[in-house]
């Protein structure tokens, strides 16, 4: 009896001591959560400067921007594809005679095309006699010819090399548009080209449209996989009355360029084809002509996406970390896991909504990871503390009870 009474008194003293320590434990808990939040913020700030982190944010943009993409406007450019059926019908090796391109321009103009863009570079004289003169005679102010600009980097200096069409081809008023694009480090086209005389911008001006000034770093909104834009074969455009519906080209903008009917796979590559945000879903590359049509839609209809400023990213991440700290202030448990899931959904859903409504990209990776990291770290500490407390209680009862 005496041992039993002593055990109960000892256990009571242990429980009372635990209650006295509760206030101290809560203060220590708040300090722990504060330190965890600081460490998480510092870690995210360091990671945000790394290449792998930027790639993760870029891939997140690929998925979000291609989820329910905006529809292609009715006045979007028509692609005249230099494709497999055209090679079979025309029966000539590439490059085709420039006089043939002149015939195409005349046929498109006669069919009512509003403006024509040839995404083909004519930088050197043709070997065929009279071919350049035949093409030049067909060109006019409604035609944009492709140019190229390449930045060559060296340890001494960076040199920009520009390639333009032959001056004789521009004598009739045709314009030059730089068709070059800039790829991200992973080889994906995500940025709107910022050339003042870009191919899509010059095509828009030749049609009497005013393209929007694009801010630095603007992201390209993709509209679909390869061949999302209305496309006809080159040989069909040569004889639209024979192969196409009446007034098919009337009032339309036309972009002529290589566009294989079977889009090349991302791992195989292809001539004048690029990986875009949609390549992550479709695994197919997009032709240069369709890329220019996409750029046209972005800059004419203001559908490009502006990345959020670093200040906004910091504010959103801090908010997520503070919300996590508030959620676990009293304790952690299965509710914490539910809240972490809700935080991820809100981060991704909010980023998706802002992207499609305001055309601003706020990467959801940092805020989602910040919330989960704070909640998971404190949950692990709480679990370890609970295990220690259980062992202490077990030892106390084992010592005082017979």
Protein backbone atom coordinates (compact mmCIF):
# COMPACT_ATOMS: atom_id res chain seq x y z
CA UNK A 1 0.00 0.00 0.00
CA UNK A 2 2.80 2.40 0.89
CA UNK A 3 4.51 1.77 -2.51
CA UNK A 4 1.29 2.38 -4.37
CA UNK A 5 0.69 5.66 -2.54
CA UNK A 6 4.25 6.81 -3.16
CA UNK A 7 3.89 6.00 -6.87
CA UNK A 8 0.69 7.99 -7.19
CA UNK A 9 2.22 10.98 -5.38
CA UNK A 10 5.28 10.83 -7.62
CA UNK A 11 3.18 10.69 -10.78
CA UNK A 12 1.09 13.61 -9.52
CA UNK A 13 4.22 15.65 -8.88
CA UNK A 14 5.44 14.81 -12.41
CA UNK A 15 2.18 15.94 -14.00
CA UNK A 16 2.12 19.14 -11.95
CA UNK A 17 5.68 19.91 -12.96
CA UNK A 18 4.71 19.38 -16.61
CA UNK A 19 1.88 21.89 -16.26
CA UNK A 20 4.23 24.44 -14.72
CA UNK A 21 6.55 24.00 -17.66
CA UNK A 22 3.72 24.52 -20.19
CA UNK A 23 4.15 28.28 -20.38
CA UNK A 24 7.91 27.91 -20.81
CA UNK A 25 7.37 25.24 -23.48
CA UNK A 26 5.01 27.52 -25.43
CA UNK A 27 7.57 30.33 -25.42
CA UNK A 28 10.25 27.91 -26.59
CA UNK A 29 7.88 26.65 -29.28
CA UNK A 30 7.33 30.14 -30.64
CA UNK A 31 11.09 30.69 -30.78
CA UNK A 32 11.50 27.37 -32.58
CA UNK A 33 8.88 28.25 -35.19
CA UNK A 34 10.46 31.66 -35.70
CA UNK A 35 13.91 30.14 -36.26
CA UNK A 36 12.49 27.53 -38.64
CA UNK A 37 10.77 30.27 -40.64
CA UNK A 38 14.02 32.25 -40.88
CA UNK A 39 15.97 29.21 -42.04
CA UNK A 40 13.32 28.32 -44.66
CA UNK A 41 13.27 31.88 -46.02
CA UNK A 42 17.08 31.99 -46.20
CA UNK A 43 17.18 28.59 -47.93
CA UNK A 44 14.55 29.62 -50.50
CA UNK A 45 16.37 32.89 -51.18
CA UNK A 46 19.57 30.94 -51.87
CA UNK A 47 17.87 28.32 -54.03
CA UNK A 48 16.05 30.97 -56.08
CA UNK A 49 19.38 32.05 -57.60
CA UNK A 50 20.32 28.57 -58.82
CA UNK A 51 19.86 27.18 -62.31
CA UNK A 52 17.87 24.08 -61.28
CA UNK A 53 15.40 26.24 -59.35
CA UNK A 54 14.86 28.54 -62.33
CA UNK A 55 14.28 25.48 -64.51
CA UNK A 56 11.63 24.22 -62.07
CA UNK A 57 9.86 27.58 -62.21
CA UNK A 58 10.08 27.56 -66.02
CA UNK A 59 8.58 24.08 -66.20
CA UNK A 60 5.81 25.20 -63.85
CA UNK A 61 5.07 28.01 -66.33
CA UNK A 62 4.95 25.46 -69.17
CA UNK A 63 2.27 23.44 -67.37
CA UNK A 64 0.22 26.39 -66.14
CA UNK A 65 0.29 28.42 -69.37
CA UNK A 66 -0.77 25.41 -71.46
CA UNK A 67 -3.62 24.45 -69.14
CA UNK A 68 -6.76 25.83 -70.84
CA UNK A 69 -4.80 28.11 -73.22
CA UNK A 70 -6.63 31.06 -74.80
CA UNK A 71 -8.36 30.43 -78.13
CA UNK A 72 -6.71 31.53 -81.36
CA UNK A 73 -8.36 34.67 -82.70
CA UNK A 74 -10.27 34.52 -85.97
CA UNK A 75 -7.89 37.03 -87.58
CA UNK A 76 -4.82 34.95 -86.76
CA UNK A 77 -2.27 34.36 -89.54
CA UNK A 78 -2.70 31.45 -91.94
CA UNK A 79 0.35 29.22 -92.34
CA UNK A 80 1.35 28.28 -95.88
CA UNK A 81 3.47 25.24 -95.16
CA UNK A 82 6.44 24.14 -97.14
CA UNK A 83 5.68 20.52 -96.25
CA UNK A 84 5.93 16.96 -97.50
CA UNK A 85 2.89 17.12 -99.83
CA UNK A 86 4.28 20.29 -101.40
CA UNK A 87 7.65 18.65 -102.07
CA UNK A 88 5.82 15.73 -103.67
CA UNK A 89 3.59 17.96 -105.84
CA UNK A 90 6.24 20.46 -106.92
CA UNK A 91 8.86 17.77 -107.48
CA UNK A 92 11.94 19.96 -106.98
CA UNK A 93 14.73 19.91 -104.46
CA UNK A 94 15.08 22.61 -101.85
CA UNK A 95 15.78 25.49 -102.20
CA UNK A 96 13.02 26.03 -104.73
CA UNK A 97 13.44 28.63 -107.49
CA UNK A 98 12.80 32.14 -106.25
CA UNK A 99 10.57 32.73 -109.21
CA UNK A 100 8.25 30.12 -107.68
CA UNK A 101 8.06 32.18 -104.48
CA UNK A 102 7.24 35.17 -106.66
CA UNK A 103 4.37 33.22 -108.20
CA UNK A 104 3.13 32.37 -104.71
CA UNK A 105 3.17 36.03 -103.61
CA UNK A 106 1.17 37.00 -106.71
CA UNK A 107 -1.33 34.21 -106.13
CA UNK A 108 -1.83 35.20 -102.49
CA UNK A 109 -2.21 38.87 -103.36
CA UNK A 110 -4.72 38.07 -106.09
CA UNK A 111 -6.63 35.91 -103.58
CA UNK A 112 -7.04 38.92 -101.28
CA UNK A 113 -4.30 38.35 -98.68
CA UNK A 114 -3.92 41.40 -96.46
CA UNK A 115 -0.21 40.93 -95.80
CA UNK A 116 2.35 38.22 -96.58
CA UNK A 117 5.36 37.14 -94.61
CA UNK A 118 8.05 34.93 -96.15
CA UNK A 119 9.91 33.23 -93.31
CA UNK A 120 12.72 32.44 -95.72
CA UNK A 121 16.07 34.24 -95.82
CA UNK A 122 17.19 35.42 -99.26
CA UNK A 123 20.62 36.74 -98.27
CA UNK A 124 22.64 35.59 -101.29
CA UNK A 125 22.03 35.95 -105.02
CA UNK A 126 20.30 33.04 -106.70
CA UNK A 127 22.26 30.85 -109.07
CA UNK A 128 19.35 30.78 -111.52
CA UNK A 129 19.39 33.63 -114.03
CA UNK A 130 16.54 36.06 -113.59
CA UNK A 131 15.16 34.34 -110.46
CA UNK A 132 15.93 37.26 -108.14
CA UNK A 133 14.41 39.75 -110.58
CA UNK A 134 11.26 37.63 -110.85
CA UNK A 135 10.87 37.52 -107.09
CA UNK A 136 11.66 41.23 -106.72
CA UNK A 137 8.98 42.10 -109.27
CA UNK A 138 6.36 40.31 -107.18
CA UNK A 139 7.29 41.93 -103.85
CA UNK A 140 5.77 45.11 -102.45
CA UNK A 141 4.94 46.96 -99.21
CA UNK A 142 2.56 44.18 -98.21
CA UNK A 143 5.42 41.63 -98.00
CA UNK A 144 7.81 41.00 -95.12
CA UNK A 145 11.01 39.05 -95.72
CA UNK A 146 12.88 37.25 -92.98
CA UNK A 147 16.22 38.40 -91.62
CA UNK A 148 18.44 36.95 -88.93
CA UNK A 149 20.43 38.37 -86.05
CA UNK A 150 22.94 36.25 -84.11
CA UNK A 151 24.88 37.20 -80.99
CA UNK A 152 28.38 35.72 -81.03
CA UNK A 153 29.97 35.67 -77.57
CA UNK A 154 33.71 35.53 -77.06
CA UNK A 155 36.06 36.24 -74.13
CA UNK A 156 37.06 39.52 -75.77
CA UNK A 157 33.64 40.94 -76.72
CA UNK A 158 30.11 40.11 -77.81
CA UNK A 159 29.46 40.65 -81.50
CA UNK A 160 26.05 40.91 -83.16
CA UNK A 161 25.88 39.58 -86.72
CA UNK A 162 22.88 40.60 -88.81
CA UNK A 163 21.78 38.94 -92.05
CA UNK A 164 19.25 40.73 -94.27
CA UNK A 165 17.64 40.02 -97.67
CA UNK A 166 19.28 41.21 -100.86
CA UNK A 167 18.82 44.99 -101.36
CA UNK A 168 17.29 44.33 -104.78
CA UNK A 169 14.45 42.42 -103.12
CA UNK A 170 13.64 45.40 -100.90
CA UNK A 171 13.63 47.96 -103.70
CA UNK A 172 9.89 47.57 -104.28
CA UNK A 173 8.99 48.42 -100.68
CA UNK A 174 9.16 44.99 -99.04
CA UNK A 175 10.14 45.05 -95.37
CA UNK A 176 12.74 43.11 -93.41
CA UNK A 177 11.68 41.37 -90.19
CA UNK A 178 14.15 39.66 -87.88
CA UNK A 179 12.87 36.10 -87.40
CA UNK A 180 15.48 35.14 -84.78
CA UNK A 181 14.32 33.82 -81.41
CA UNK A 182 16.06 33.44 -78.05
CA UNK A 183 15.91 30.08 -76.29
CA UNK A 184 16.15 29.46 -72.55
CA UNK A 185 19.03 27.44 -71.13
CA UNK A 186 17.06 24.21 -71.52
CA UNK A 187 16.56 24.87 -75.23
CA UNK A 188 12.89 25.86 -74.92
CA UNK A 189 11.39 28.95 -76.52
CA UNK A 190 9.53 30.84 -73.76
CA UNK A 191 10.43 34.50 -74.34
CA UNK A 192 8.90 36.98 -76.76
CA UNK A 193 11.63 38.23 -79.14
CA UNK A 194 12.28 41.90 -78.42
CA UNK A 195 13.64 43.00 -81.78
CA UNK A 196 12.09 46.37 -82.69
CA UNK A 197 11.91 45.13 -86.29
CA UNK A 198 10.94 41.56 -85.46
CA UNK A 199 9.29 39.48 -88.17
CA UNK A 200 5.87 39.33 -86.49
CA UNK A 201 5.95 43.06 -85.65
CA UNK A 202 6.84 44.05 -89.21
CA UNK A 203 4.13 41.76 -90.58
CA UNK A 204 1.61 43.46 -88.32
CA UNK A 205 2.73 46.91 -89.45
CA UNK A 206 2.47 45.90 -93.11
CA UNK A 207 -1.17 45.03 -92.38
CA UNK A 208 -1.81 48.39 -90.74
CA UNK A 209 -1.76 47.04 -87.17
CA UNK A 210 0.18 48.44 -84.22
CA UNK A 211 1.97 45.80 -82.13
CA UNK A 212 2.28 46.29 -78.39
CA UNK A 213 5.62 47.25 -76.89
CA UNK A 214 6.92 44.12 -75.18
CA UNK A 215 8.67 44.51 -71.78
CA UNK A 216 11.97 42.78 -71.13
CA UNK A 217 11.65 39.13 -70.20
CA UNK A 218 8.03 38.79 -71.35
CA UNK A 219 6.92 35.17 -71.64
CA UNK A 220 5.29 33.74 -74.75
CA UNK A 221 1.73 32.44 -74.39
CA UNK A 222 1.43 29.26 -76.45
CA UNK A 223 -1.92 28.35 -77.98
CA UNK A 224 -1.50 24.68 -78.68
CA UNK A 225 0.78 21.98 -80.06
CA UNK A 226 2.19 21.93 -83.59
CA UNK A 227 -0.29 22.80 -86.36
CA UNK A 228 -2.70 24.61 -84.05
CA UNK A 229 -2.87 27.53 -86.49
CA UNK A 230 -4.84 27.13 -89.69
CA UNK A 231 -2.43 25.58 -92.19
CA UNK A 232 -2.50 24.85 -95.92
CA UNK A 233 0.19 23.39 -98.14
CA UNK A 234 2.37 25.53 -100.37
CA UNK A 235 1.12 23.86 -103.54
CA UNK A 236 -2.49 24.61 -102.53
CA UNK A 237 -1.71 28.30 -102.05
CA UNK A 238 -0.16 28.43 -105.51
CA UNK A 239 -3.60 27.61 -106.94
CA UNK A 240 -6.13 28.61 -104.26
CA UNK A 241 -9.06 28.61 -106.68
CA UNK A 242 -8.37 24.95 -107.44
CA UNK A 243 -7.59 23.59 -103.97
CA UNK A 244 -9.13 25.94 -101.38
CA UNK A 245 -12.57 27.40 -100.58
CA UNK A 246 -13.55 30.67 -102.21
CA UNK A 247 -12.11 33.80 -100.52
CA UNK A 248 -10.02 31.64 -98.21
CA UNK A 249 -7.18 34.19 -98.05
CA UNK A 250 -9.31 37.34 -98.33
CA UNK A 251 -8.38 39.81 -95.59
CA UNK A 252 -6.03 37.31 -93.93
CA UNK A 253 -2.37 37.56 -92.97
CA UNK A 254 -0.22 34.77 -94.40
CA UNK A 255 3.09 33.37 -93.14
CA UNK A 256 5.05 31.14 -95.51
CA UNK A 257 7.70 28.82 -94.12
CA UNK A 258 8.92 25.30 -93.48
CA UNK A 259 6.29 23.35 -91.54
CA UNK A 260 6.46 19.60 -91.79
CA UNK A 261 3.05 17.93 -91.65
CA UNK A 262 4.40 15.35 -89.22
CA UNK A 263 5.85 17.62 -86.54
CA UNK A 264 9.33 16.40 -85.53
CA UNK A 265 9.73 14.91 -82.08
CA UNK A 266 11.51 16.91 -79.39
CA UNK A 267 14.35 14.40 -79.08
CA UNK A 268 14.88 14.17 -82.85
CA UNK A 269 15.08 17.85 -83.79
CA UNK A 270 14.19 19.26 -87.16
CA UNK A 271 14.80 22.14 -89.59
CA UNK A 272 13.49 25.51 -88.36
CA UNK A 273 11.55 23.92 -85.49
CA UNK A 274 11.59 24.73 -81.79
CA UNK A 275 10.56 23.36 -78.43
CA UNK A 276 7.85 25.52 -76.85
CA UNK A 277 5.88 25.34 -73.61
CA UNK A 278 3.48 22.91 -75.29
CA UNK A 279 6.32 20.54 -76.19
CA UNK A 280 6.32 19.35 -72.58
CA UNK A 281 2.82 17.95 -73.17
CA UNK A 282 2.88 17.00 -76.87
CA UNK A 283 6.56 16.00 -77.20
CA UNK A 284 6.56 17.63 -80.65
CA UNK A 285 8.46 20.65 -81.92
CA UNK A 286 6.75 23.68 -83.48
CA UNK A 287 7.76 25.10 -86.84
CA UNK A 288 9.32 28.53 -87.14
CA UNK A 289 6.34 29.76 -89.17
CA UNK A 290 3.96 28.80 -86.34
CA UNK A 291 6.29 30.40 -83.82
CA UNK A 292 6.04 33.68 -85.72
CA UNK A 293 2.23 33.32 -85.81
CA UNK A 294 2.30 32.79 -82.03
CA UNK A 295 4.46 35.88 -81.53
CA UNK A 296 2.06 37.84 -83.75
CA UNK A 297 -0.92 36.81 -81.60
CA UNK A 298 0.95 37.74 -78.42
CA UNK A 299 2.02 41.22 -79.47
CA UNK A 300 -1.11 42.21 -81.40
CA UNK A 301 -3.67 40.92 -78.88
CA UNK A 302 -1.62 41.69 -75.71
CA UNK A 303 -1.55 38.07 -74.60
CA UNK A 304 2.10 37.79 -73.59
CA UNK A 305 2.80 37.07 -69.92
CA UNK A 306 4.88 39.35 -67.69
CA UNK A 307 6.93 37.68 -64.91
CA UNK A 308 6.16 39.00 -61.44
CA UNK A 309 8.80 41.28 -59.95
CA UNK A 310 11.23 39.87 -57.34
CA UNK A 311 9.53 42.04 -54.70
CA UNK A 312 6.19 40.33 -55.38
CA UNK A 313 7.81 36.89 -55.19
CA UNK A 314 9.41 37.73 -51.85
CA UNK A 315 6.12 39.08 -50.48
CA UNK A 316 4.14 36.00 -51.56
CA UNK A 317 6.73 33.63 -50.10
CA UNK A 318 6.85 35.55 -46.81
CA UNK A 319 3.07 35.45 -46.61
CA UNK A 320 3.05 31.68 -47.12
CA UNK A 321 5.71 31.17 -44.42
CA UNK A 322 3.85 33.41 -41.95
CA UNK A 323 0.60 31.56 -42.61
CA UNK A 324 2.36 28.27 -41.95
CA UNK A 325 3.78 29.62 -38.68
CA UNK A 326 0.32 30.77 -37.60
CA UNK A 327 -1.23 27.41 -38.52
CA UNK A 328 1.19 25.42 -36.32
CA UNK A 329 1.43 27.90 -33.46
CA UNK A 330 -0.65 25.74 -31.08
CA UNK A 331 0.36 22.34 -32.33
CA UNK A 332 0.60 19.98 -35.29
CA UNK A 333 -1.23 16.85 -36.37
CA UNK A 334 -3.29 15.46 -39.20
CA UNK A 335 -4.86 18.90 -39.67
CA UNK A 336 -1.39 20.22 -40.50
CA UNK A 337 -1.08 17.78 -43.40
CA UNK A 338 -4.50 18.88 -44.70
CA UNK A 339 -3.50 22.54 -44.45
CA UNK A 340 -0.26 21.86 -46.34
CA UNK A 341 -2.26 20.26 -49.14
CA UNK A 342 -4.64 23.21 -49.20
CA UNK A 343 -1.67 25.60 -49.33
CA UNK A 344 -0.26 23.80 -52.38
CA UNK A 345 -3.64 23.91 -54.13
CA UNK A 346 -4.04 27.63 -53.35
CA UNK A 347 -0.50 28.41 -54.57
CA UNK A 348 -0.95 26.57 -57.87
CA UNK A 349 -4.56 27.70 -58.38
CA UNK A 350 -3.76 31.31 -57.55
CA UNK A 351 -0.80 31.34 -59.92
CA UNK A 352 -2.96 29.82 -62.66
CA UNK A 353 -5.75 32.37 -62.13
CA UNK A 354 -3.39 35.36 -62.12
CA UNK A 355 -1.64 34.09 -65.25
CA UNK A 356 -4.82 33.72 -67.28
CA UNK A 357 -6.66 36.78 -65.96
CA UNK A 358 -3.89 39.35 -65.49
CA UNK A 359 -1.22 37.80 -67.77
CA UNK A 360 1.28 37.88 -64.91
CA UNK A 361 3.29 34.82 -63.87
CA UNK A 362 3.78 34.37 -60.13
CA UNK A 363 5.69 31.07 -59.70
CA UNK A 364 3.87 28.87 -57.16
CA UNK A 365 6.94 26.81 -56.23
CA UNK A 366 8.44 29.04 -53.53
CA UNK A 367 5.26 29.80 -51.52
CA UNK A 368 4.07 26.19 -51.66
CA UNK A 369 7.45 24.83 -50.63
CA UNK A 370 7.82 27.51 -47.93
CA UNK A 371 4.53 26.55 -46.27
CA UNK A 372 5.25 22.81 -46.46
CA UNK A 373 8.82 23.17 -45.20
CA UNK A 374 7.84 25.18 -42.10
CA UNK A 375 4.90 22.90 -41.27
CA UNK A 376 6.82 19.67 -41.88
CA UNK A 377 9.87 20.74 -39.87
CA UNK A 378 7.85 21.76 -36.81
CA UNK A 379 5.71 18.62 -37.12
CA UNK A 380 8.88 16.52 -36.99
CA UNK A 381 10.05 18.41 -33.90
CA UNK A 382 6.67 17.96 -32.22
CA UNK A 383 6.70 14.25 -32.97
CA UNK A 384 10.19 13.89 -31.50
CA UNK A 385 9.19 15.89 -28.39
CA UNK A 386 6.08 13.77 -27.90
CA UNK A 387 8.15 10.59 -28.11
CA UNK A 388 10.56 11.94 -25.48
CA UNK A 389 7.67 12.90 -23.21
CA UNK A 390 6.08 9.46 -23.50
CA UNK A 391 9.36 7.79 -22.62
CA UNK A 392 9.74 10.13 -19.61
CA UNK A 393 6.22 9.31 -18.36
CA UNK A 394 6.85 5.59 -18.81
CA UNK A 395 10.09 5.81 -16.84
CA UNK A 396 8.42 7.86 -14.08
CA UNK A 397 5.56 5.36 -13.59
CA UNK A 398 7.99 2.44 -13.78
CA UNK A 399 10.07 3.99 -11.01
CA UNK A 400 7.29 4.87 -8.58
CA UNK A 401 4.72 2.09 -9.14
CA UNK A 402 5.27 -1.50 -7.98
